[in-house]
Amino acid sequence: MTKIKLTTLLPAVVLFGLSVAALISVVRQAPAFSPSLRSPSIFGDWRLVPTASLYDHGAYLHDLGYGYLRADVAGILQNAGPLSDDAIYQARLARAVELFEASLQHAPARARGWTNLALAYALSGQGQPALNALRRSWALSENSAKEARDRVFIVRLINQLDGIEWQTSDDRDAIQNDLLILGQI
């Protein structure tokens, strides 16, 4: 009789122990219970200690890359003058590619990141990497109107590159789907 109770009770005791351990871990990482995570403010209360964990590093890198990708467009919209010369433009595209790739290391399921990476590659004349990124975007977000608009533009850019033979039946289906989505807007 004692053996039956012990074997029946053991899983409950183990689960209870694990839940207590999880609760202690959460409490240790909560600023309300851990003074090391608090910083006194000038108002007499406390604030969170600034750490890298307070923001999404992948989103930050993506936004930086987007800034490099759209730098000339922003200048035109603000009447800042003509487009930059080709060397500066190519350097900005290369930096955008670096930042998008770094962003996707943190968040590989971000379809917007893959779409923007494909755009940066296509604008810099790198057809195969643009195509690979475009295919990832299609796989992650096949029914997104926002992505569809940009992907149709990227398809046109890739088609203008010399020596790119790329449209498989899956690619054509994805393009048709994007065009269908855009027709429904």
Protein backbone atom coordinates (compact mmCIF):
# COMPACT_ATOMS: atom_id res chain seq x y z
CA MET A 1 0.00 0.00 0.00
CA THR A 2 2.83 2.41 0.82
CA LYS A 3 4.58 1.70 -2.48
CA ILE A 4 1.44 2.52 -4.43
CA LYS A 5 1.04 5.87 -2.69
CA LEU A 6 4.70 6.74 -3.14
CA THR A 7 4.69 5.99 -6.88
CA THR A 8 1.45 7.90 -7.32
CA LEU A 9 2.67 10.81 -5.27
CA LEU A 10 6.13 11.06 -6.86
CA PRO A 11 5.05 12.77 -10.15
CA ALA A 12 3.03 15.33 -8.20
CA VAL A 13 5.99 16.09 -5.92
CA VAL A 14 8.32 16.44 -8.90
CA LEU A 15 5.91 18.80 -10.69
CA PHE A 16 5.49 20.84 -7.53
CA GLY A 17 9.28 21.11 -7.17
CA LEU A 18 9.66 22.20 -10.79
CA SER A 19 6.94 24.82 -10.43
CA VAL A 20 8.60 26.23 -7.29
CA ALA A 21 11.95 26.37 -9.12
CA ALA A 22 10.30 28.15 -12.09
CA LEU A 23 8.62 30.65 -9.75
CA ILE A 24 11.91 31.42 -8.02
CA SER A 25 13.58 31.95 -11.40
CA VAL A 26 10.86 34.37 -12.51
CA VAL A 27 10.93 36.30 -9.25
CA ARG A 28 14.73 36.68 -9.41
CA GLN A 29 14.40 38.27 -12.86
CA ALA A 30 11.61 40.66 -11.88
CA PRO A 31 12.77 44.19 -11.03
CA ALA A 32 10.18 44.44 -8.26
CA PHE A 33 11.94 41.67 -6.35
CA SER A 34 15.54 42.14 -7.47
CA PRO A 35 17.29 45.39 -6.47
CA SER A 36 20.14 44.67 -8.90
CA LEU A 37 17.71 45.23 -11.78
CA ARG A 38 16.63 48.65 -10.49
CA SER A 39 18.24 52.04 -10.74
CA PRO A 40 17.24 55.01 -8.55
CA SER A 41 15.73 57.88 -10.49
CA ILE A 42 15.93 61.59 -9.85
CA PHE A 43 12.32 61.50 -8.67
CA GLY A 44 13.04 59.25 -5.70
CA ASP A 45 11.58 56.09 -7.19
CA TRP A 46 13.36 53.52 -9.34
CA ARG A 47 13.56 52.67 -13.01
CA LEU A 48 14.73 49.61 -14.88
CA VAL A 49 18.45 49.29 -15.36
CA PRO A 50 19.15 49.90 -19.07
CA THR A 51 20.11 46.62 -20.70
CA ALA A 52 20.26 45.26 -24.19
CA SER A 53 17.34 42.97 -23.38
CA LEU A 54 14.90 45.87 -23.25
CA TYR A 55 14.63 46.10 -27.04
CA ASP A 56 14.37 43.74 -29.98
CA HIS A 57 17.86 43.73 -31.46
CA GLY A 58 16.66 42.06 -34.68
CA ALA A 59 14.05 44.78 -35.23
CA TYR A 60 16.65 47.44 -34.48
CA LEU A 61 19.04 46.05 -37.11
CA HIS A 62 16.18 45.73 -39.60
CA ASP A 63 15.21 49.36 -39.09
CA LEU A 64 18.82 50.46 -39.58
CA GLY A 65 19.02 48.44 -42.80
CA TYR A 66 15.76 49.96 -43.99
CA GLY A 67 17.23 53.41 -43.38
CA TYR A 68 20.21 52.62 -45.58
CA LEU A 69 17.96 51.08 -48.22
CA ARG A 70 15.66 54.10 -48.39
CA ALA A 71 18.18 56.88 -47.69
CA ASP A 72 17.99 58.45 -51.15
CA VAL A 73 14.20 58.28 -51.21
CA ALA A 74 14.00 60.09 -47.87
CA GLY A 75 16.32 62.79 -49.21
CA ILE A 76 14.14 63.33 -52.27
CA LEU A 77 10.97 63.52 -50.18
CA GLN A 78 12.54 66.15 -47.94
CA ASN A 79 13.82 68.15 -50.93
CA ALA A 80 17.39 67.58 -49.77
CA GLY A 81 18.72 67.48 -53.29
CA PRO A 82 19.52 64.93 -55.97
CA LEU A 83 20.33 61.28 -55.47
CA SER A 84 23.75 60.43 -54.12
CA ASP A 85 26.46 59.35 -56.53
CA ASP A 86 26.75 55.68 -57.48
CA ALA A 87 29.62 54.83 -55.10
CA ILE A 88 27.69 56.13 -52.09
CA TYR A 89 24.51 54.41 -53.29
CA GLN A 90 26.29 51.06 -53.68
CA ALA A 91 27.91 51.43 -50.25
CA ARG A 92 24.49 52.09 -48.72
CA LEU A 93 23.05 49.02 -50.42
CA ALA A 94 25.95 46.88 -49.19
CA ARG A 95 25.42 48.16 -45.64
CA ALA A 96 21.67 47.51 -45.92
CA VAL A 97 22.37 43.91 -46.97
CA GLU A 98 24.71 43.45 -43.98
CA LEU A 99 22.14 44.84 -41.57
CA PHE A 100 19.24 42.81 -42.99
CA GLU A 101 21.31 39.62 -42.82
CA ALA A 102 22.26 40.38 -39.20
CA SER A 103 18.61 41.12 -38.41
CA LEU A 104 17.52 37.81 -39.88
CA GLN A 105 20.02 36.01 -37.65
CA HIS A 106 17.90 37.24 -34.72
CA ALA A 107 14.49 36.81 -36.37
CA PRO A 108 14.63 34.39 -39.32
CA ALA A 109 10.83 34.20 -39.54
CA ARG A 110 10.40 37.92 -40.30
CA ALA A 111 9.00 37.98 -43.85
CA ARG A 112 9.49 41.76 -44.09
CA GLY A 113 13.22 41.23 -43.45
CA TRP A 114 13.49 38.71 -46.27
CA THR A 115 11.55 40.99 -48.63
CA ASN A 116 13.80 43.95 -47.86
CA LEU A 117 16.91 41.79 -48.18
CA ALA A 118 15.68 40.63 -51.61
CA LEU A 119 15.12 44.26 -52.60
CA ALA A 120 18.60 45.31 -51.48
CA TYR A 121 20.17 42.41 -53.39
CA ALA A 122 18.12 43.13 -56.51
CA LEU A 123 18.98 46.83 -56.45
CA SER A 124 22.65 45.97 -56.16
CA GLY A 125 22.42 43.61 -59.15
CA GLN A 126 22.77 40.32 -57.25
CA GLY A 127 20.04 38.24 -58.83
CA GLN A 128 20.53 34.82 -57.24
CA PRO A 129 20.75 36.05 -53.63
CA ALA A 130 17.72 38.29 -54.33
CA LEU A 131 15.81 35.31 -55.64
CA ASN A 132 16.72 33.18 -52.61
CA ALA A 133 15.54 35.90 -50.22
CA LEU A 134 12.38 36.43 -52.26
CA ARG A 135 11.56 32.74 -52.09
CA ARG A 136 11.96 32.81 -48.29
CA SER A 137 9.57 35.76 -48.13
CA TRP A 138 7.01 33.86 -50.20
CA ALA A 139 7.36 30.81 -47.97
CA LEU A 140 6.88 32.83 -44.78
CA SER A 141 4.08 35.16 -45.83
CA GLU A 142 2.39 34.07 -49.00
CA ASN A 143 -0.85 36.02 -48.45
CA SER A 144 0.39 39.41 -47.27
CA ALA A 145 -0.77 42.42 -49.28
CA LYS A 146 2.11 44.58 -48.07
CA GLU A 147 4.68 41.96 -48.98
CA ALA A 148 2.94 41.24 -52.31
CA ARG A 149 3.32 44.84 -53.47
CA ASP A 150 7.04 44.88 -52.78
CA ARG A 151 7.62 41.37 -54.11
CA VAL A 152 6.02 42.20 -57.46
CA PHE A 153 8.42 45.14 -57.74
CA ILE A 154 11.37 42.87 -56.83
CA VAL A 155 10.30 40.36 -59.50
CA ARG A 156 10.47 43.17 -62.07
CA LEU A 157 13.94 44.12 -60.86
CA ILE A 158 15.19 40.54 -61.03
CA ASN A 159 13.74 40.14 -64.52
CA GLN A 160 15.80 43.15 -65.66
CA LEU A 161 19.07 41.54 -64.54
CA ASP A 162 21.08 39.86 -67.26
CA GLY A 163 21.48 36.09 -67.29
CA ILE A 164 18.82 35.26 -64.71
CA GLU A 165 16.68 32.29 -65.73
CA TRP A 166 14.72 31.60 -62.64
CA GLN A 167 10.99 31.25 -62.77
CA THR A 168 10.05 27.74 -61.72
CA SER A 169 6.42 26.68 -61.53
CA ASP A 170 6.47 27.46 -57.78
CA ASP A 171 7.84 30.94 -58.53
CA ARG A 172 5.13 31.56 -61.11
CA ASP A 173 2.46 30.38 -58.67
CA ALA A 174 3.80 32.72 -55.98
CA ILE A 175 3.89 35.65 -58.42
CA GLN A 176 0.32 34.89 -59.53
CA ASN A 177 -0.77 34.74 -55.89
CA ASP A 178 0.84 38.13 -55.19
CA LEU A 179 -0.86 39.63 -58.25
CA LEU A 180 -4.18 38.11 -57.19
CA ILE A 181 -3.79 39.61 -53.70
CA LEU A 182 -3.01 43.01 -55.19
CA GLY A 183 -6.07 42.76 -57.42
CA GLN A 184 -8.26 42.25 -54.37
CA ILE A 185 -7.18 45.43 -52.64
